[in-house]
Amino acid sequence: MTRPICLQVYISDELSSLIRKAARAKGISMSEWVRSLLANACAEDELASRMNTSIERISRQSVFLMVGIDALLAGHPDHALRDRAHQAYARKCRELGLAPTLGEGGDA
């Protein structure tokens, strides 16, 4: 087993008391308590980073879909179809309690 690496930080007396109390309540050492917090914080940062990447990918795909569908509607022989689709979008947004905005669903 490898030897743990010592990480030294300076904290106030008040924070030290809080950490001591929290660790005692969990029945673990202060080192274990702080180590678990650090591990959780790192895991949450990694999760947040992956989530941001996924949200950006989904946003890009959504924009591509909106542009593609709008282009298909604009080129459709029934010229009123595009306007009806925009009206249906605005209606659905109202039903869901969402305010249709410019850039989402076109002219709404």
C-alpha atoms as a PDB file:
ATOM      1  CA  MET A   1       0.000   0.000   0.000  1.00  0.00           C
ATOM      2  CA  THR A   2       1.340   3.440  -0.874  1.00  0.00           C
ATOM      3  CA  ARG A   3       1.746   6.046   1.779  1.00  0.00           C
ATOM      4  CA  PRO A   4      -0.931   8.790   1.733  1.00  0.00           C
ATOM      5  CA  ILE A   5       0.208  12.246   0.684  1.00  0.00           C
ATOM      6  CA  CYS A   6      -0.101  14.952   3.302  1.00  0.00           C
ATOM      7  CA  LEU A   7      -2.042  18.028   2.215  1.00  0.00           C
ATOM      8  CA  GLN A   8      -1.722  20.916   4.636  1.00  0.00           C
ATOM      9  CA  VAL A   9      -4.216  23.771   4.778  1.00  0.00           C
ATOM     10  CA  TYR A  10      -4.739  26.564   7.253  1.00  0.00           C
ATOM     11  CA  ILE A  11      -8.226  27.101   8.631  1.00  0.00           C
ATOM     12  CA  SER A  12      -9.781  29.160  11.395  1.00  0.00           C
ATOM     13  CA  ASP A  13     -10.433  27.828  14.891  1.00  0.00           C
ATOM     14  CA  GLU A  14     -14.157  28.031  14.198  1.00  0.00           C
ATOM     15  CA  LEU A  15     -13.924  25.920  11.057  1.00  0.00           C
ATOM     16  CA  SER A  16     -11.662  23.439  12.817  1.00  0.00           C
ATOM     17  CA  SER A  17     -14.261  23.036  15.565  1.00  0.00           C
ATOM     18  CA  LEU A  18     -17.016  22.508  12.999  1.00  0.00           C
ATOM     19  CA  ILE A  19     -14.973  19.866  11.146  1.00  0.00           C
ATOM     20  CA  ARG A  20     -14.093  18.104  14.395  1.00  0.00           C
ATOM     21  CA  LYS A  21     -17.760  18.052  15.428  1.00  0.00           C
ATOM     22  CA  ALA A  22     -18.949  16.816  11.996  1.00  0.00           C
ATOM     23  CA  ALA A  23     -16.306  14.069  11.877  1.00  0.00           C
ATOM     24  CA  ARG A  24     -17.137  12.972  15.425  1.00  0.00           C
ATOM     25  CA  ALA A  25     -20.835  12.809  14.513  1.00  0.00           C
ATOM     26  CA  LYS A  26     -19.967  10.475  11.610  1.00  0.00           C
ATOM     27  CA  GLY A  27     -17.640   8.422  13.797  1.00  0.00           C
ATOM     28  CA  ILE A  28     -14.634   9.033  11.557  1.00  0.00           C
ATOM     29  CA  SER A  29     -11.373  10.942  11.796  1.00  0.00           C
ATOM     30  CA  MET A  30     -11.074  14.528  10.604  1.00  0.00           C
ATOM     31  CA  SER A  31      -8.759  13.328   7.814  1.00  0.00           C
ATOM     32  CA  GLU A  32     -11.324  10.815   6.592  1.00  0.00           C
ATOM     33  CA  TRP A  33     -14.085  13.424   6.735  1.00  0.00           C
ATOM     34  CA  VAL A  34     -12.081  16.016   4.760  1.00  0.00           C
ATOM     35  CA  ARG A  35     -10.858  13.342   2.298  1.00  0.00           C
ATOM     36  CA  SER A  36     -14.448  12.272   1.548  1.00  0.00           C
ATOM     37  CA  LEU A  37     -15.482  15.903   0.967  1.00  0.00           C
ATOM     38  CA  LEU A  38     -12.586  16.464  -1.426  1.00  0.00           C
ATOM     39  CA  ALA A  39     -13.334  13.255  -3.335  1.00  0.00           C
ATOM     40  CA  ASN A  40     -17.018  14.199  -3.640  1.00  0.00           C
ATOM     41  CA  ALA A  41     -16.158  17.725  -4.809  1.00  0.00           C
ATOM     42  CA  CYS A  42     -13.861  16.352  -7.519  1.00  0.00           C
ATOM     43  CA  ALA A  43     -16.501  13.848  -8.658  1.00  0.00           C
ATOM     44  CA  GLU A  44     -19.141  16.606  -8.829  1.00  0.00           C
ATOM     45  CA  ASP A  45     -16.825  18.813 -10.921  1.00  0.00           C
ATOM     46  CA  GLU A  46     -16.283  15.941 -13.353  1.00  0.00           C
ATOM     47  CA  LEU A  47     -20.026  15.300 -13.561  1.00  0.00           C
ATOM     48  CA  ALA A  48     -20.739  19.005 -14.136  1.00  0.00           C
ATOM     49  CA  SER A  49     -18.142  19.105 -16.910  1.00  0.00           C
ATOM     50  CA  ARG A  50     -19.673  16.068 -18.635  1.00  0.00           C
ATOM     51  CA  MET A  51     -23.131  17.573 -18.246  1.00  0.00           C
ATOM     52  CA  ASN A  52     -22.017  20.866 -19.825  1.00  0.00           C
ATOM     53  CA  THR A  53     -20.529  18.951 -22.763  1.00  0.00           C
ATOM     54  CA  SER A  54     -23.780  16.998 -23.207  1.00  0.00           C
ATOM     55  CA  ILE A  55     -25.911  20.139 -23.010  1.00  0.00           C
ATOM     56  CA  GLU A  56     -23.755  21.861 -25.641  1.00  0.00           C
ATOM     57  CA  ARG A  57     -23.997  18.823 -27.952  1.00  0.00           C
ATOM     58  CA  ILE A  58     -27.788  18.677 -27.528  1.00  0.00           C
ATOM     59  CA  SER A  59     -28.058  22.423 -28.170  1.00  0.00           C
ATOM     60  CA  ARG A  60     -26.068  22.123 -31.402  1.00  0.00           C
ATOM     61  CA  GLN A  61     -28.229  19.204 -32.544  1.00  0.00           C
ATOM     62  CA  SER A  62     -31.388  21.167 -31.711  1.00  0.00           C
ATOM     63  CA  VAL A  63     -30.229  24.137 -33.773  1.00  0.00           C
ATOM     64  CA  PHE A  64     -29.448  21.840 -36.708  1.00  0.00           C
ATOM     65  CA  LEU A  65     -32.904  20.252 -36.433  1.00  0.00           C
ATOM     66  CA  MET A  66     -34.637  23.654 -36.255  1.00  0.00           C
ATOM     67  CA  VAL A  67     -32.784  24.949 -39.303  1.00  0.00           C
ATOM     68  CA  GLY A  68     -33.424  21.747 -41.245  1.00  0.00           C
ATOM     69  CA  ILE A  69     -37.123  21.596 -40.444  1.00  0.00           C
ATOM     70  CA  ASP A  70     -37.589  25.297 -41.192  1.00  0.00           C
ATOM     71  CA  ALA A  71     -35.848  24.821 -44.551  1.00  0.00           C
ATOM     72  CA  LEU A  72     -38.078  21.857 -45.398  1.00  0.00           C
ATOM     73  CA  LEU A  73     -41.191  23.805 -44.431  1.00  0.00           C
ATOM     74  CA  ALA A  74     -40.073  26.855 -46.422  1.00  0.00           C
ATOM     75  CA  GLY A  75     -39.587  24.679 -49.526  1.00  0.00           C
ATOM     76  CA  HIS A  76     -42.858  22.776 -49.134  1.00  0.00           C
ATOM     77  CA  PRO A  77     -45.435  23.243 -51.919  1.00  0.00           C
ATOM     78  CA  ASP A  78     -48.052  24.238 -49.316  1.00  0.00           C
ATOM     79  CA  HIS A  79     -46.662  27.668 -48.404  1.00  0.00           C
ATOM     80  CA  ALA A  80     -49.121  28.007 -45.518  1.00  0.00           C
ATOM     81  CA  LEU A  81     -47.713  24.887 -43.808  1.00  0.00           C
ATOM     82  CA  ARG A  82     -44.741  26.779 -42.369  1.00  0.00           C
ATOM     83  CA  ASP A  83     -46.997  29.446 -40.843  1.00  0.00           C
ATOM     84  CA  ARG A  84     -49.305  26.787 -39.410  1.00  0.00           C
ATOM     85  CA  ALA A  85     -46.331  25.023 -37.849  1.00  0.00           C
ATOM     86  CA  HIS A  86     -45.215  28.307 -36.225  1.00  0.00           C
ATOM     87  CA  GLN A  87     -48.754  28.884 -34.926  1.00  0.00           C
ATOM     88  CA  ALA A  88     -48.937  25.340 -33.549  1.00  0.00           C
ATOM     89  CA  TYR A  89     -45.578  25.875 -31.842  1.00  0.00           C
ATOM     90  CA  ALA A  90     -46.780  29.100 -30.179  1.00  0.00           C
ATOM     91  CA  ARG A  91     -50.001  27.382 -29.111  1.00  0.00           C
ATOM     92  CA  LYS A  92     -48.117  24.435 -27.608  1.00  0.00           C
ATOM     93  CA  CYS A  93     -45.776  26.782 -25.740  1.00  0.00           C
ATOM     94  CA  ARG A  94     -48.786  28.561 -24.222  1.00  0.00           C
ATOM     95  CA  GLU A  95     -50.331  25.217 -23.224  1.00  0.00           C
ATOM     96  CA  LEU A  96     -47.093  24.233 -21.482  1.00  0.00           C
ATOM     97  CA  GLY A  97     -46.792  27.619 -19.790  1.00  0.00           C
ATOM     98  CA  LEU A  98     -43.713  28.559 -21.830  1.00  0.00           C
ATOM     99  CA  ALA A  99     -43.265  31.903 -23.502  1.00  0.00           C
ATOM    100  CA  PRO A 100     -42.314  31.385 -27.150  1.00  0.00           C
ATOM    101  CA  THR A 101     -39.194  33.405 -27.902  1.00  0.00           C
ATOM    102  CA  LEU A 102     -37.571  34.578 -31.080  1.00  0.00           C
ATOM    103  CA  GLY A 103     -35.047  32.044 -32.225  1.00  0.00           C
ATOM    104  CA  GLU A 104     -37.177  29.138 -31.012  1.00  0.00           C
ATOM    105  CA  GLY A 105     -39.711  27.993 -33.515  1.00  0.00           C
ATOM    106  CA  GLY A 106     -39.196  30.964 -35.785  1.00  0.00           C
ATOM    107  CA  ASP A 107     -41.573  33.913 -35.865  1.00  0.00           C
ATOM    108  CA  ALA A 108     -43.438  33.282 -32.584  1.00  0.00           C
END
